[in-house]
Amino acid sequence: MVTEKQLADLFEEAKKNKEGLALLKQTALVCQKYELAANLRMLEIELFPETKGDSKLK
């Protein structure tokens, strides 16, 4: 069984890792948790803002 502490630890680690946070957001979308995915997207923008060079790569 997954504990609350394990989920909290996962979230804290994802906040330090752009790819991990993106995957967590994707998981929320797959599970149809759209509000959570939106909140994770806002956090992603806050923690990992794009630079001008990054936006040209997309």
N, C-alpha and C. Protein backbone atom coordinates (compact mmCIF):
# COMPACT_ATOMS: atom_id res chain seq x y z
N MET A 1 0.84 -1.19 0.00
CA MET A 1 0.00 0.00 0.00
C MET A 1 0.88 1.25 0.00
N VAL A 2 0.52 2.21 -0.77
CA VAL A 2 1.25 3.47 -0.84
C VAL A 2 0.79 4.37 0.32
N THR A 3 1.76 4.92 1.02
CA THR A 3 1.43 5.78 2.15
C THR A 3 1.42 7.25 1.74
N GLU A 4 0.81 8.07 2.58
CA GLU A 4 0.81 9.52 2.34
C GLU A 4 2.23 10.07 2.31
N LYS A 5 3.08 9.54 3.18
CA LYS A 5 4.47 10.00 3.23
C LYS A 5 5.18 9.68 1.92
N GLN A 6 4.95 8.50 1.36
CA GLN A 6 5.57 8.14 0.09
C GLN A 6 5.11 9.07 -1.03
N LEU A 7 3.83 9.40 -1.05
CA LEU A 7 3.32 10.32 -2.06
C LEU A 7 3.90 11.72 -1.87
N ALA A 8 4.01 12.15 -0.62
CA ALA A 8 4.60 13.46 -0.34
C ALA A 8 6.07 13.49 -0.75
N ASP A 9 6.79 12.40 -0.49
CA ASP A 9 8.19 12.31 -0.89
C ASP A 9 8.32 12.34 -2.42
N LEU A 10 7.44 11.63 -3.10
CA LEU A 10 7.43 11.64 -4.56
C LEU A 10 7.22 13.05 -5.09
N PHE A 11 6.26 13.75 -4.53
CA PHE A 11 5.97 15.11 -4.95
C PHE A 11 7.16 16.03 -4.71
N GLU A 12 7.79 15.92 -3.56
CA GLU A 12 8.95 16.76 -3.24
C GLU A 12 10.11 16.48 -4.20
N GLU A 13 10.32 15.24 -4.55
CA GLU A 13 11.38 14.90 -5.52
C GLU A 13 11.04 15.41 -6.91
N ALA A 14 9.77 15.31 -7.29
CA ALA A 14 9.34 15.80 -8.61
C ALA A 14 9.54 17.31 -8.72
N LYS A 15 9.41 18.03 -7.62
CA LYS A 15 9.61 19.48 -7.64
C LYS A 15 11.06 19.85 -7.94
N LYS A 16 11.98 18.91 -7.78
CA LYS A 16 13.40 19.17 -8.02
C LYS A 16 13.82 18.73 -9.42
N ASN A 17 12.92 18.11 -10.17
CA ASN A 17 13.27 17.46 -11.42
C ASN A 17 12.21 17.78 -12.46
N LYS A 18 12.57 18.56 -13.47
CA LYS A 18 11.59 19.00 -14.47
C LYS A 18 10.92 17.82 -15.17
N GLU A 19 11.70 16.82 -15.55
CA GLU A 19 11.13 15.66 -16.24
C GLU A 19 10.19 14.88 -15.31
N GLY A 20 10.60 14.72 -14.06
CA GLY A 20 9.76 14.01 -13.10
C GLY A 20 8.44 14.72 -12.86
N LEU A 21 8.49 16.04 -12.77
CA LEU A 21 7.26 16.81 -12.57
C LEU A 21 6.35 16.69 -13.79
N ALA A 22 6.94 16.71 -14.99
CA ALA A 22 6.16 16.56 -16.21
C ALA A 22 5.50 15.19 -16.27
N LEU A 23 6.22 14.16 -15.85
CA LEU A 23 5.63 12.81 -15.83
C LEU A 23 4.52 12.69 -14.80
N LEU A 24 4.69 13.33 -13.66
CA LEU A 24 3.64 13.32 -12.64
C LEU A 24 2.39 14.03 -13.18
N LYS A 25 2.59 15.13 -13.87
CA LYS A 25 1.48 15.86 -14.49
C LYS A 25 0.79 14.98 -15.53
N GLN A 26 1.58 14.27 -16.35
CA GLN A 26 1.02 13.37 -17.36
C GLN A 26 0.20 12.25 -16.71
N THR A 27 0.69 11.74 -15.60
CA THR A 27 -0.04 10.70 -14.87
C THR A 27 -1.39 11.22 -14.40
N ALA A 28 -1.41 12.46 -13.90
CA ALA A 28 -2.67 13.06 -13.47
C ALA A 28 -3.64 13.15 -14.65
N LEU A 29 -3.13 13.51 -15.84
CA LEU A 29 -4.00 13.59 -17.02
C LEU A 29 -4.55 12.22 -17.41
N VAL A 30 -3.70 11.20 -17.39
CA VAL A 30 -4.14 9.84 -17.74
C VAL A 30 -5.24 9.39 -16.78
N CYS A 31 -5.11 9.78 -15.52
CA CYS A 31 -6.10 9.40 -14.50
C CYS A 31 -7.30 10.35 -14.49
N GLN A 32 -7.35 11.26 -15.44
CA GLN A 32 -8.43 12.23 -15.58
C GLN A 32 -8.59 13.12 -14.35
N LYS A 33 -7.47 13.48 -13.75
CA LYS A 33 -7.45 14.41 -12.62
C LYS A 33 -6.99 15.76 -13.16
N TYR A 34 -7.88 16.44 -13.88
CA TYR A 34 -7.52 17.62 -14.63
C TYR A 34 -7.15 18.82 -13.75
N GLU A 35 -7.82 18.97 -12.64
CA GLU A 35 -7.49 20.08 -11.74
C GLU A 35 -6.08 19.89 -11.17
N LEU A 36 -5.76 18.66 -10.79
CA LEU A 36 -4.42 18.36 -10.29
C LEU A 36 -3.39 18.60 -11.38
N ALA A 37 -3.66 18.16 -12.60
CA ALA A 37 -2.74 18.38 -13.71
C ALA A 37 -2.52 19.87 -13.96
N ALA A 38 -3.58 20.65 -13.87
CA ALA A 38 -3.46 22.10 -14.06
C ALA A 38 -2.60 22.71 -12.95
N ASN A 39 -2.80 22.26 -11.72
CA ASN A 39 -2.00 22.77 -10.61
C ASN A 39 -0.53 22.38 -10.78
N LEU A 40 -0.29 21.17 -11.24
CA LEU A 40 1.09 20.73 -11.48
C LEU A 40 1.71 21.53 -12.62
N ARG A 41 0.94 21.88 -13.63
CA ARG A 41 1.45 22.71 -14.74
C ARG A 41 1.83 24.09 -14.23
N MET A 42 1.01 24.67 -13.38
CA MET A 42 1.34 25.99 -12.82
C MET A 42 2.62 25.91 -11.98
N LEU A 43 2.77 24.85 -11.24
CA LEU A 43 3.98 24.64 -10.44
C LEU A 43 5.19 24.46 -11.36
N GLU A 44 5.00 23.73 -12.46
CA GLU A 44 6.07 23.51 -13.43
C GLU A 44 6.54 24.84 -14.02
N ILE A 45 5.61 25.71 -14.36
CA ILE A 45 5.95 27.03 -14.91
C ILE A 45 6.70 27.85 -13.87
N GLU A 46 6.26 27.78 -12.63
CA GLU A 46 6.88 28.54 -11.54
C GLU A 46 8.30 28.05 -11.25
N LEU A 47 8.47 26.74 -11.17
CA LEU A 47 9.77 26.17 -10.79
C LEU A 47 10.77 26.12 -11.93
N PHE A 48 10.27 25.94 -13.16
CA PHE A 48 11.15 25.77 -14.31
C PHE A 48 10.73 26.70 -15.44
N PRO A 49 10.89 28.01 -15.24
CA PRO A 49 10.48 28.95 -16.29
C PRO A 49 11.33 28.76 -17.54
N GLU A 50 10.71 28.94 -18.68
CA GLU A 50 11.43 28.80 -19.96
C GLU A 50 12.24 30.06 -20.23
N THR A 51 13.38 29.87 -20.83
CA THR A 51 14.15 31.00 -21.30
C THR A 51 13.81 31.24 -22.76
N LYS A 52 14.24 32.33 -23.32
CA LYS A 52 13.96 32.60 -24.73
C LYS A 52 14.53 31.50 -25.61
N GLY A 53 15.70 30.99 -25.28
CA GLY A 53 16.31 29.92 -26.06
C GLY A 53 15.52 28.64 -25.99
N ASP A 54 14.93 28.34 -24.83
CA ASP A 54 14.14 27.12 -24.68
C ASP A 54 12.91 27.14 -25.57
N SER A 55 12.24 28.28 -25.64
CA SER A 55 10.99 28.35 -26.41
C SER A 55 11.25 28.18 -27.90
N LYS A 56 12.43 28.55 -28.38
CA LYS A 56 12.75 28.39 -29.80
C LYS A 56 13.00 26.92 -30.14
N LEU A 57 13.37 26.11 -29.15
CA LEU A 57 13.66 24.71 -29.40
C LEU A 57 12.39 23.90 -29.63
N LYS A 58 11.25 24.39 -29.18
CA LYS A 58 9.99 23.64 -29.28
C LYS A 58 9.38 23.74 -30.65
